Amino acid sequence: MSSSKFSEEFKRDAVAQITERGYPVREVSERLGVSPYSLYAWKRKFAKASCGEAEKDTEIRRLKKELARVSEERDILKKATAYFARDAK
Protein backbone atom coordinates (compact mmCIF):
# COMPACT_ATOMS: atom_id res chain seq x y z
CA MET A 1 0.00 0.00 0.00
CA SER A 2 2.19 2.78 -1.22
CA SER A 3 0.74 6.21 -1.50
CA SER A 4 1.85 8.56 -4.25
CA LYS A 5 4.39 10.98 -2.94
CA PHE A 6 4.03 13.22 -6.00
CA SER A 7 1.07 15.48 -6.66
CA GLU A 8 -0.85 15.45 -9.92
CA GLU A 9 0.51 18.92 -10.68
CA PHE A 10 4.10 17.70 -10.20
CA LYS A 11 3.43 14.76 -12.52
CA ARG A 12 1.89 16.98 -15.18
CA ASP A 13 4.83 19.39 -14.99
CA ALA A 14 7.30 16.52 -15.31
CA VAL A 15 5.49 15.17 -18.36
CA ALA A 16 5.32 18.66 -19.86
CA GLN A 17 9.10 18.93 -19.65
CA ILE A 18 9.34 15.83 -21.83
CA THR A 19 6.49 16.42 -24.27
CA GLU A 20 6.37 20.20 -24.63
CA ARG A 21 9.91 21.32 -23.90
CA GLY A 22 11.64 18.34 -25.47
CA TYR A 23 13.90 17.29 -22.61
CA PRO A 24 15.05 13.65 -22.63
CA VAL A 25 13.34 11.34 -20.14
CA ARG A 26 16.63 10.40 -18.56
CA GLU A 27 17.59 14.02 -17.90
CA VAL A 28 14.21 14.86 -16.35
CA SER A 29 14.35 11.66 -14.34
CA GLU A 30 17.74 12.51 -12.84
CA ARG A 31 16.88 16.15 -12.23
CA LEU A 32 13.59 15.42 -10.44
CA GLY A 33 14.64 12.24 -8.66
CA VAL A 34 11.96 10.14 -10.34
CA SER A 35 12.44 6.81 -12.06
CA PRO A 36 12.18 6.82 -15.86
CA TYR A 37 9.54 4.07 -15.54
CA SER A 38 7.35 6.46 -13.54
CA LEU A 39 7.79 9.21 -16.10
CA TYR A 40 6.75 6.90 -18.94
CA ALA A 41 3.73 5.74 -16.92
CA TRP A 42 2.68 9.33 -16.21
CA LYS A 43 3.18 10.21 -19.87
CA ARG A 44 0.86 7.38 -20.93
CA LYS A 45 -1.70 8.37 -18.32
CA PHE A 46 -1.83 12.02 -19.34
CA ALA A 47 -1.72 11.22 -23.07
CA LYS A 48 -4.92 9.17 -22.68
CA ALA A 49 -6.56 12.05 -20.82
CA SER A 50 -5.61 14.60 -23.48
CA CYS A 51 -6.75 12.26 -26.26
CA GLY A 52 -10.20 12.19 -24.71
CA GLU A 53 -10.26 15.98 -24.63
CA ALA A 54 -9.30 16.14 -28.30
CA GLU A 55 -12.19 13.84 -29.16
CA LYS A 56 -14.55 16.08 -27.19
CA ASP A 57 -13.26 19.17 -29.00
CA THR A 58 -13.81 17.47 -32.37
CA GLU A 59 -17.34 16.51 -31.38
CA ILE A 60 -18.08 20.05 -30.20
CA ARG A 61 -16.87 21.52 -33.51
CA ARG A 62 -19.00 19.02 -35.46
CA LEU A 63 -22.08 19.84 -33.38
CA LYS A 64 -21.57 23.60 -33.81
CA LYS A 65 -21.40 23.19 -37.60
CA GLU A 66 -24.55 21.08 -37.56
CA LEU A 67 -26.33 23.63 -35.37
CA ALA A 68 -25.41 26.43 -37.77
CA ARG A 69 -26.71 24.39 -40.74
CA VAL A 70 -29.97 23.49 -39.01
CA SER A 71 -30.50 27.09 -37.87
CA GLU A 72 -30.00 28.31 -41.44
CA GLU A 73 -32.49 25.72 -42.74
CA ARG A 74 -35.02 26.81 -40.11
CA ASP A 75 -34.64 30.46 -41.08
CA ILE A 76 -35.15 29.62 -44.77
CA LEU A 77 -38.30 27.67 -43.96
CA LYS A 78 -39.66 30.54 -41.82
CA LYS A 79 -39.14 32.97 -44.70
CA ALA A 80 -40.74 30.57 -47.19
CA THR A 81 -43.73 30.04 -44.91
CA ALA A 82 -44.22 33.80 -44.53
CA TYR A 83 -43.89 34.32 -48.29
CA PHE A 84 -46.44 31.64 -49.20
CA ALA A 85 -48.82 32.72 -46.43
CA ARG A 86 -48.76 36.25 -47.86
CA ASP A 87 -49.60 34.99 -51.37
CA ALA A 88 -52.47 32.85 -50.09
CA LYS A 89 -54.46 35.90 -48.86
PDB file of N, CA and C in Angstrom:
ATOM      1  N   MET A   1       0.827  -1.187   0.000  1.00  0.00           N
ATOM      2  CA  MET A   1       0.000   0.000   0.000  1.00  0.00           C
ATOM      3  C   MET A   1       0.868   1.246   0.000  1.00  0.00           C
ATOM      4  N   SER A   2       1.380   1.570  -1.153  1.00  0.00           N
ATOM      5  CA  SER A   2       2.188   2.780  -1.225  1.00  0.00           C
ATOM      6  C   SER A   2       1.329   3.927  -1.706  1.00  0.00           C
ATOM      7  N   SER A   3       1.474   5.038  -1.049  1.00  0.00           N
ATOM      8  CA  SER A   3       0.742   6.213  -1.498  1.00  0.00           C
ATOM      9  C   SER A   3       1.657   7.035  -2.389  1.00  0.00           C
ATOM     10  N   SER A   4       1.076   7.746  -3.330  1.00  0.00           N
ATOM     11  CA  SER A   4       1.854   8.555  -4.251  1.00  0.00           C
ATOM     12  C   SER A   4       2.466   9.721  -3.497  1.00  0.00           C
ATOM     13  N   LYS A   5       3.756   9.870  -3.641  1.00  0.00           N
ATOM     14  CA  LYS A   5       4.395  10.982  -2.945  1.00  0.00           C
ATOM     15  C   LYS A   5       4.506  12.211  -3.835  1.00  0.00           C
ATOM     16  N   PHE A   6       3.998  12.098  -5.077  1.00  0.00           N
ATOM     17  CA  PHE A   6       4.031  13.221  -5.998  1.00  0.00           C
ATOM     18  C   PHE A   6       2.596  13.656  -6.321  1.00  0.00           C
ATOM     19  N   SER A   7       2.400  14.958  -6.350  1.00  0.00           N
ATOM     20  CA  SER A   7       1.068  15.479  -6.662  1.00  0.00           C
ATOM     21  C   SER A   7       0.799  15.370  -8.160  1.00  0.00           C
ATOM     22  N   GLU A   8      -0.465  15.491  -8.509  1.00  0.00           N
ATOM     23  CA  GLU A   8      -0.851  15.448  -9.923  1.00  0.00           C
ATOM     24  C   GLU A   8      -0.190  16.599 -10.683  1.00  0.00           C
ATOM     25  N   GLU A   9      -0.111  17.759 -10.046  1.00  0.00           N
ATOM     26  CA  GLU A   9       0.513  18.921 -10.685  1.00  0.00           C
ATOM     27  C   GLU A   9       1.986  18.656 -10.966  1.00  0.00           C
ATOM     28  N   PHE A  10       2.695  18.042 -10.011  1.00  0.00           N
ATOM     29  CA  PHE A  10       4.102  17.700 -10.200  1.00  0.00           C
ATOM     30  C   PHE A  10       4.257  16.743 -11.376  1.00  0.00           C
ATOM     31  N   LYS A  11       3.370  15.742 -11.442  1.00  0.00           N
ATOM     32  CA  LYS A  11       3.433  14.757 -12.518  1.00  0.00           C
ATOM     33  C   LYS A  11       3.190  15.414 -13.873  1.00  0.00           C
ATOM     34  N   ARG A  12       2.192  16.290 -13.923  1.00  0.00           N
ATOM     35  CA  ARG A  12       1.895  16.984 -15.185  1.00  0.00           C
ATOM     36  C   ARG A  12       3.070  17.873 -15.616  1.00  0.00           C
ATOM     37  N   ASP A  13       3.678  18.548 -14.671  1.00  0.00           N
ATOM     38  CA  ASP A  13       4.829  19.392 -14.992  1.00  0.00           C
ATOM     39  C   ASP A  13       6.007  18.550 -15.495  1.00  0.00           C
ATOM     40  N   ALA A  14       6.217  17.402 -14.877  1.00  0.00           N
ATOM     41  CA  ALA A  14       7.302  16.520 -15.310  1.00  0.00           C
ATOM     42  C   ALA A  14       7.059  16.024 -16.725  1.00  0.00           C
ATOM     43  N   VAL A  15       5.836  15.638 -17.015  1.00  0.00           N
ATOM     44  CA  VAL A  15       5.494  15.166 -18.356  1.00  0.00           C
ATOM     45  C   VAL A  15       5.611  16.306 -19.361  1.00  0.00           C
ATOM     46  N   ALA A  16       5.221  17.509 -18.963  1.00  0.00           N
ATOM     47  CA  ALA A  16       5.315  18.661 -19.855  1.00  0.00           C
ATOM     48  C   ALA A  16       6.764  18.949 -20.240  1.00  0.00           C
ATOM     49  N   GLN A  17       7.697  18.726 -19.320  1.00  0.00           N
ATOM     50  CA  GLN A  17       9.104  18.933 -19.645  1.00  0.00           C
ATOM     51  C   GLN A  17       9.553  18.000 -20.761  1.00  0.00           C
ATOM     52  N   ILE A  18       8.965  16.813 -20.801  1.00  0.00           N
ATOM     53  CA  ILE A  18       9.337  15.826 -21.828  1.00  0.00           C
ATOM     54  C   ILE A  18       8.610  16.123 -23.135  1.00  0.00           C
ATOM     55  N   THR A  19       7.300  16.306 -23.054  1.00  0.00           N
ATOM     56  CA  THR A  19       6.495  16.416 -24.270  1.00  0.00           C
ATOM     57  C   THR A  19       6.522  17.804 -24.892  1.00  0.00           C
ATOM     58  N   GLU A  20       6.467  18.844 -24.091  1.00  0.00           N
ATOM     59  CA  GLU A  20       6.369  20.197 -24.628  1.00  0.00           C
ATOM     60  C   GLU A  20       7.726  20.879 -24.784  1.00  0.00           C
ATOM     61  N   ARG A  21       8.612  20.651 -23.844  1.00  0.00           N
ATOM     62  CA  ARG A  21       9.907  21.322 -23.896  1.00  0.00           C
ATOM     63  C   ARG A  21      10.996  20.477 -24.549  1.00  0.00           C
ATOM     64  N   GLY A  22      10.727  19.199 -24.733  1.00  0.00           N
ATOM     65  CA  GLY A  22      11.645  18.345 -25.471  1.00  0.00           C
ATOM     66  C   GLY A  22      12.839  17.808 -24.705  1.00  0.00           C
ATOM     67  N   TYR A  23      12.794  17.838 -23.386  1.00  0.00           N
ATOM     68  CA  TYR A  23      13.902  17.287 -22.611  1.00  0.00           C
ATOM     69  C   TYR A  23      13.865  15.760 -22.662  1.00  0.00           C
ATOM     70  N   PRO A  24      15.028  15.123 -22.659  1.00  0.00           N
ATOM     71  CA  PRO A  24      15.047  13.648 -22.630  1.00  0.00           C
ATOM     72  C   PRO A  24      14.524  13.114 -21.293  1.00  0.00           C
ATOM     73  N   VAL A  25      13.914  11.950 -21.334  1.00  0.00           N
ATOM     74  CA  VAL A  25      13.338  11.338 -20.137  1.00  0.00           C
ATOM     75  C   VAL A  25      14.416  11.133 -19.087  1.00  0.00           C
ATOM     76  N   ARG A  26      15.551  10.674 -19.515  1.00  0.00           N
ATOM     77  CA  ARG A  26      16.634  10.397 -18.564  1.00  0.00           C
ATOM     78  C   ARG A  26      17.067  11.653 -17.815  1.00  0.00           C
ATOM     79  N   GLU A  27      17.173  12.768 -18.537  1.00  0.00           N
ATOM     80  CA  GLU A  27      17.587  14.021 -17.903  1.00  0.00           C
ATOM     81  C   GLU A  27      16.544  14.494 -16.885  1.00  0.00           C
ATOM     82  N   VAL A  28      15.286  14.443 -17.262  1.00  0.00           N
ATOM     83  CA  VAL A  28      14.209  14.860 -16.351  1.00  0.00           C
ATOM     84  C   VAL A  28      14.171  13.927 -15.150  1.00  0.00           C
ATOM     85  N   SER A  29      14.358  12.653 -15.405  1.00  0.00           N
ATOM     86  CA  SER A  29      14.353  11.655 -14.342  1.00  0.00           C
ATOM     87  C   SER A  29      15.427  11.958 -13.297  1.00  0.00           C
ATOM     88  N   GLU A  30      16.633  12.219 -13.766  1.00  0.00           N
ATOM     89  CA  GLU A  30      17.735  12.509 -12.842  1.00  0.00           C
ATOM     90  C   GLU A  30      17.523  13.828 -12.108  1.00  0.00           C
ATOM     91  N   ARG A  31      17.054  14.831 -12.829  1.00  0.00           N
ATOM     92  CA  ARG A  31      16.879  16.151 -12.227  1.00  0.00           C
ATOM     93  C   ARG A  31      15.802  16.160 -11.153  1.00  0.00           C
ATOM     94  N   LEU A  32      14.718  15.411 -11.385  1.00  0.00           N
ATOM     95  CA  LEU A  32      13.593  15.422 -10.441  1.00  0.00           C
ATOM     96  C   LEU A  32      13.648  14.306  -9.403  1.00  0.00           C
ATOM     97  N   GLY A  33      14.555  13.345  -9.597  1.00  0.00           N
ATOM     98  CA  GLY A  33      14.641  12.238  -8.658  1.00  0.00           C
ATOM     99  C   GLY A  33      13.494  11.253  -8.802  1.00  0.00           C
ATOM    100  N   VAL A  34      13.074  11.036 -10.034  1.00  0.00           N
ATOM    101  CA  VAL A  34      11.958  10.139 -10.338  1.00  0.00           C
ATOM    102  C   VAL A  34      12.483   9.075 -11.288  1.00  0.00           C
ATOM    103  N   SER A  35      11.983   7.866 -11.154  1.00  0.00           N
ATOM    104  CA  SER A  35      12.439   6.809 -12.057  1.00  0.00           C
ATOM    105  C   SER A  35      11.895   7.046 -13.465  1.00  0.00           C
ATOM    106  N   PRO A  36      12.670   6.671 -14.482  1.00  0.00           N
ATOM    107  CA  PRO A  36      12.182   6.815 -15.862  1.00  0.00           C
ATOM    108  C   PRO A  36      10.883   6.030 -16.086  1.00  0.00           C
ATOM    109  N   TYR A  37      10.755   4.878 -15.426  1.00  0.00           N
ATOM    110  CA  TYR A  37       9.536   4.073 -15.543  1.00  0.00           C
ATOM    111  C   TYR A  37       8.316   4.889 -15.108  1.00  0.00           C
ATOM    112  N   SER A  38       8.460   5.628 -14.017  1.00  0.00           N
ATOM    113  CA  SER A  38       7.347   6.463 -13.536  1.00  0.00           C
ATOM    114  C   SER A  38       7.005   7.549 -14.545  1.00  0.00           C
ATOM    115  N   LEU A  39       8.034   8.168 -15.119  1.00  0.00           N
ATOM    116  CA  LEU A  39       7.786   9.213 -16.103  1.00  0.00           C
ATOM    117  C   LEU A  39       7.033   8.672 -17.318  1.00  0.00           C
ATOM    118  N   TYR A  40       7.443   7.498 -17.799  1.00  0.00           N
ATOM    119  CA  TYR A  40       6.753   6.899 -18.944  1.00  0.00           C
ATOM    120  C   TYR A  40       5.298   6.548 -18.586  1.00  0.00           C
ATOM    121  N   ALA A  41       5.089   6.076 -17.364  1.00  0.00           N
ATOM    122  CA  ALA A  41       3.729   5.741 -16.925  1.00  0.00           C
ATOM    123  C   ALA A  41       2.865   7.000 -16.852  1.00  0.00           C
ATOM    124  N   TRP A  42       3.415   8.080 -16.306  1.00  0.00           N
ATOM    125  CA  TRP A  42       2.683   9.332 -16.214  1.00  0.00           C
ATOM    126  C   TRP A  42       2.391   9.871 -17.620  1.00  0.00           C
ATOM    127  N   LYS A  43       3.352   9.733 -18.496  1.00  0.00           N
ATOM    128  CA  LYS A  43       3.185  10.208 -19.866  1.00  0.00           C
ATOM    129  C   LYS A  43       2.025   9.482 -20.544  1.00  0.00           C
ATOM    130  N   ARG A  44       1.968   8.162 -20.376  1.00  0.00           N
ATOM    131  CA  ARG A  44       0.862   7.376 -20.932  1.00  0.00           C
ATOM    132  C   ARG A  44      -0.473   7.820 -20.328  1.00  0.00           C
ATOM    133  N   LYS A  45      -0.475   7.998 -19.019  1.00  0.00           N
ATOM    134  CA  LYS A  45      -1.703   8.373 -18.317  1.00  0.00           C
ATOM    135  C   LYS A  45      -2.247   9.706 -18.824  1.00  0.00           C
ATOM    136  N   PHE A  46      -1.380  10.701 -18.935  1.00  0.00           N
ATOM    137  CA  PHE A  46      -1.828  12.020 -19.343  1.00  0.00           C
ATOM    138  C   PHE A  46      -2.080  12.096 -20.839  1.00  0.00           C
ATOM    139  N   ALA A  47      -1.446  11.253 -21.625  1.00  0.00           N
ATOM    140  CA  ALA A  47      -1.718  11.215 -23.068  1.00  0.00           C
ATOM    141  C   ALA A  47      -3.131  10.703 -23.310  1.00  0.00           C
ATOM    142  N   LYS A  48      -3.559   9.701 -22.543  1.00  0.00           N
ATOM    143  CA  LYS A  48      -4.921   9.171 -22.675  1.00  0.00           C
ATOM    144  C   LYS A  48      -5.936  10.242 -22.306  1.00  0.00           C
ATOM    145  N   ALA A  49      -5.639  11.005 -21.264  1.00  0.00           N
ATOM    146  CA  ALA A  49      -6.556  12.049 -20.822  1.00  0.00           C
ATOM    147  C   ALA A  49      -6.676  13.142 -21.878  1.00  0.00           C
ATOM    148  N   SER A  50      -5.561  13.536 -22.474  1.00  0.00           N
ATOM    149  CA  SER A  50      -5.612  14.595 -23.478  1.00  0.00           C
ATOM    150  C   SER A  50      -6.241  14.107 -24.766  1.00  0.00           C
ATOM    151  N   CYS A  51      -6.125  12.830 -25.067  1.00  0.00           N
ATOM    152  CA  CYS A  51      -6.751  12.260 -26.258  1.00  0.00           C
ATOM    153  C   CYS A  51      -8.268  12.346 -26.124  1.00  0.00           C
ATOM    154  N   GLY A  52      -8.769  12.075 -24.955  1.00  0.00           N
ATOM    155  CA  GLY A  52     -10.204  12.186 -24.706  1.00  0.00           C
ATOM    156  C   GLY A  52     -10.692  13.617 -24.879  1.00  0.00           C
ATOM    157  N   GLU A  53      -9.898  14.573 -24.469  1.00  0.00           N
ATOM    158  CA  GLU A  53     -10.257  15.976 -24.627  1.00  0.00           C
ATOM    159  C   GLU A  53     -10.277  16.359 -26.097  1.00  0.00           C
ATOM    160  N   ALA A  54      -9.336  15.841 -26.871  1.00  0.00           N
ATOM    161  CA  ALA A  54      -9.296  16.136 -28.300  1.00  0.00           C
ATOM    162  C   ALA A  54     -10.537  15.597 -28.992  1.00  0.00           C
ATOM    163  N   GLU A  55     -10.977  14.411 -28.588  1.00  0.00           N
ATOM    164  CA  GLU A  55     -12.193  13.843 -29.162  1.00  0.00           C
ATOM    165  C   GLU A  55     -13.408  14.698 -28.817  1.00  0.00           C
ATOM    166  N   LYS A  56     -13.442  15.209 -27.593  1.00  0.00           N
ATOM    167  CA  LYS A  56     -14.546  16.075 -27.186  1.00  0.00           C
ATOM    168  C   LYS A  56     -14.543  17.361 -28.003  1.00  0.00           C
ATOM    169  N   ASP A  57     -13.362  17.942 -28.215  1.00  0.00           N
ATOM    170  CA  ASP A  57     -13.259  19.168 -29.002  1.00  0.00           C
ATOM    171  C   ASP A  57     -13.738  18.944 -30.433  1.00  0.00           C
ATOM    172  N   THR A  58     -13.372  17.805 -31.009  1.00  0.00           N
ATOM    173  CA  THR A  58     -13.808  17.471 -32.366  1.00  0.00           C
ATOM    174  C   THR A  58     -15.318  17.345 -32.423  1.00  0.00           C
ATOM    175  N   GLU A  59     -15.891  16.676 -31.443  1.00  0.00           N
ATOM    176  CA  GLU A  59     -17.342  16.508 -31.384  1.00  0.00           C
ATOM    177  C   GLU A  59     -18.044  17.855 -31.218  1.00  0.00           C
ATOM    178  N   ILE A  60     -17.496  18.730 -30.407  1.00  0.00           N
ATOM    179  CA  ILE A  60     -18.082  20.053 -30.198  1.00  0.00           C
ATOM    180  C   ILE A  60     -18.067  20.853 -31.495  1.00  0.00           C
ATOM    181  N   ARG A  61     -16.947  20.808 -32.231  1.00  0.00           N
ATOM    182  CA  ARG A  61     -16.866  21.515 -33.508  1.00  0.00           C
ATOM    183  C   ARG A  61     -17.901  20.973 -34.502  1.00  0.00           C
ATOM    184  N   ARG A  62     -18.034  19.644 -34.554  1.00  0.00           N
ATOM    185  CA  ARG A  62     -18.999  19.022 -35.457  1.00  0.00           C
ATOM    186  C   ARG A  62     -20.421  19.459 -35.109  1.00  0.00           C
ATOM    187  N   LEU A  63     -20.741  19.459 -33.818  1.00  0.00           N
ATOM    188  CA  LEU A  63     -22.079  19.841 -33.383  1.00  0.00           C
ATOM    189  C   LEU A  63     -22.371  21.316 -33.657  1.00  0.00           C
ATOM    190  N   LYS A  64     -21.373  22.178 -33.513  1.00  0.00           N
ATOM    191  CA  LYS A  64     -21.567  23.599 -33.806  1.00  0.00           C
ATOM    192  C   LYS A  64     -21.854  23.813 -35.286  1.00  0.00           C
ATOM    193  N   LYS A  65     -21.140  23.082 -36.156  1.00  0.00           N
ATOM    194  CA  LYS A  65     -21.396  23.185 -37.598  1.00  0.00           C
ATOM    195  C   LYS A  65     -22.807  22.716 -37.925  1.00  0.00           C
ATOM    196  N   GLU A  66     -23.204  21.608 -37.314  1.00  0.00           N
ATOM    197  CA  GLU A  66     -24.545  21.078 -37.562  1.00  0.00           C
ATOM    198  C   GLU A  66     -25.613  22.048 -37.059  1.00  0.00           C
ATOM    199  N   LEU A  67     -25.384  22.651 -35.909  1.00  0.00           N
ATOM    200  CA  LEU A  67     -26.326  23.629 -35.368  1.00  0.00           C
ATOM    201  C   LEU A  67     -26.465  24.817 -36.315  1.00  0.00           C
ATOM    202  N   ALA A  68     -25.355  25.297 -36.845  1.00  0.00           N
ATOM    203  CA  ALA A  68     -25.410  26.426 -37.773  1.00  0.00           C
ATOM    204  C   ALA A  68     -26.198  26.057 -39.022  1.00  0.00           C
ATOM    205  N   ARG A  69     -25.990  24.853 -39.552  1.00  0.00           N
ATOM    206  CA  ARG A  69     -26.706  24.394 -40.744  1.00  0.00           C
ATOM    207  C   ARG A  69     -28.204  24.285 -40.471  1.00  0.00           C
ATOM    208  N   VAL A  70     -28.561  23.670 -39.360  1.00  0.00           N
ATOM    209  CA  VAL A  70     -29.972  23.488 -39.013  1.00  0.00           C
ATOM    210  C   VAL A  70     -30.641  24.837 -38.748  1.00  0.00           C
ATOM    211  N   SER A  71     -29.934  25.757 -38.111  1.00  0.00           N
ATOM    212  CA  SER A  71     -30.496  27.090 -37.870  1.00  0.00           C
ATOM    213  C   SER A  71     -30.745  27.812 -39.182  1.00  0.00           C
ATOM    214  N   GLU A  72     -29.825  27.683 -40.130  1.00  0.00           N
ATOM    215  CA  GLU A  72     -30.001  28.306 -41.436  1.00  0.00           C
ATOM    216  C   GLU A  72     -31.207  27.703 -42.165  1.00  0.00           C
ATOM    217  N   GLU A  73     -31.341  26.382 -42.110  1.00  0.00           N
ATOM    218  CA  GLU A  73     -32.488  25.725 -42.740  1.00  0.00           C
ATOM    219  C   GLU A  73     -33.801  26.210 -42.117  1.00  0.00           C
ATOM    220  N   ARG A  74     -33.816  26.341 -40.808  1.00  0.00           N
ATOM    221  CA  ARG A  74     -35.022  26.813 -40.111  1.00  0.00           C
ATOM    222  C   ARG A  74     -35.394  28.221 -40.560  1.00  0.00           C
ATOM    223  N   ASP A  75     -34.380  29.086 -40.667  1.00  0.00           N
ATOM    224  CA  ASP A  75     -34.639  30.465 -41.082  1.00  0.00           C
ATOM    225  C   ASP A  75     -35.188  30.515 -42.509  1.00  0.00           C
ATOM    226  N   ILE A  76     -34.654  29.680 -43.392  1.00  0.00           N
ATOM    227  CA  ILE A  76     -35.147  29.623 -44.771  1.00  0.00           C
ATOM    228  C   ILE A  76     -36.608  29.172 -44.785  1.00  0.00           C
ATOM    229  N   LEU A  77     -36.919  28.157 -44.008  1.00  0.00           N
ATOM    230  CA  LEU A  77     -38.304  27.667 -43.955  1.00  0.00           C
ATOM    231  C   LEU A  77     -39.260  28.715 -43.383  1.00  0.00           C
ATOM    232  N   LYS A  78     -38.814  29.473 -42.386  1.00  0.00           N
ATOM    233  CA  LYS A  78     -39.656  30.538 -41.823  1.00  0.00           C
ATOM    234  C   LYS A  78     -39.976  31.579 -42.890  1.00  0.00           C
ATOM    235  N   LYS A  79     -38.941  31.971 -43.648  1.00  0.00           N
ATOM    236  CA  LYS A  79     -39.138  32.973 -44.696  1.00  0.00           C
ATOM    237  C   LYS A  79     -40.066  32.434 -45.787  1.00  0.00           C
ATOM    238  N   ALA A  80     -39.890  31.172 -46.155  1.00  0.00           N
ATOM    239  CA  ALA A  80     -40.736  30.568 -47.186  1.00  0.00           C
ATOM    240  C   ALA A  80     -42.180  30.487 -46.713  1.00  0.00           C
ATOM    241  N   THR A  81     -42.376  30.132 -45.466  1.00  0.00           N
ATOM    242  CA  THR A  81     -43.726  30.045 -44.913  1.00  0.00           C
ATOM    243  C   THR A  81     -44.386  31.414 -44.931  1.00  0.00           C
ATOM    244  N   ALA A  82     -43.673  32.442 -44.540  1.00  0.00           N
ATOM    245  CA  ALA A  82     -44.222  33.802 -44.535  1.00  0.00           C
ATOM    246  C   ALA A  82     -44.535  34.253 -45.954  1.00  0.00           C
ATOM    247  N   TYR A  83     -43.684  33.935 -46.895  1.00  0.00           N
ATOM    248  CA  TYR A  83     -43.886  34.324 -48.292  1.00  0.00           C
ATOM    249  C   TYR A  83     -45.143  33.676 -48.859  1.00  0.00           C
ATOM    250  N   PHE A  84     -45.287  32.344 -48.651  1.00  0.00           N
ATOM    251  CA  PHE A  84     -46.441  31.644 -49.203  1.00  0.00           C
ATOM    252  C   PHE A  84     -47.732  32.004 -48.460  1.00  0.00           C
ATOM    253  N   ALA A  85     -47.649  32.314 -47.196  1.00  0.00           N
ATOM    254  CA  ALA A  85     -48.824  32.719 -46.432  1.00  0.00           C
ATOM    255  C   ALA A  85     -49.323  34.061 -46.936  1.00  0.00           C
ATOM    256  N   ARG A  86     -48.395  34.931 -47.345  1.00  0.00           N
ATOM    257  CA  ARG A  86     -48.763  36.249 -47.858  1.00  0.00           C
ATOM    258  C   ARG A  86     -49.472  36.110 -49.216  1.00  0.00           C
ATOM    259  N   ASP A  87     -48.994  35.200 -50.049  1.00  0.00           N
ATOM    260  CA  ASP A  87     -49.597  34.992 -51.366  1.00  0.00           C
ATOM    261  C   ASP A  87     -50.970  34.332 -51.284  1.00  0.00           C
ATOM    262  N   ALA A  88     -51.211  33.574 -50.228  1.00  0.00           N
ATOM    263  CA  ALA A  88     -52.473  32.847 -50.092  1.00  0.00           C
ATOM    264  C   ALA A  88     -53.635  33.770 -49.777  1.00  0.00           C
ATOM    265  N   LYS A  89     -53.388  34.964 -49.266  1.00  0.00           N
ATOM    266  CA  LYS A  89     -54.460  35.897 -48.860  1.00  0.00           C
ATOM    267  C   LYS A  89     -55.092  36.570 -50.019  1.00  0.00           C
TER     268      LYS A  89
END
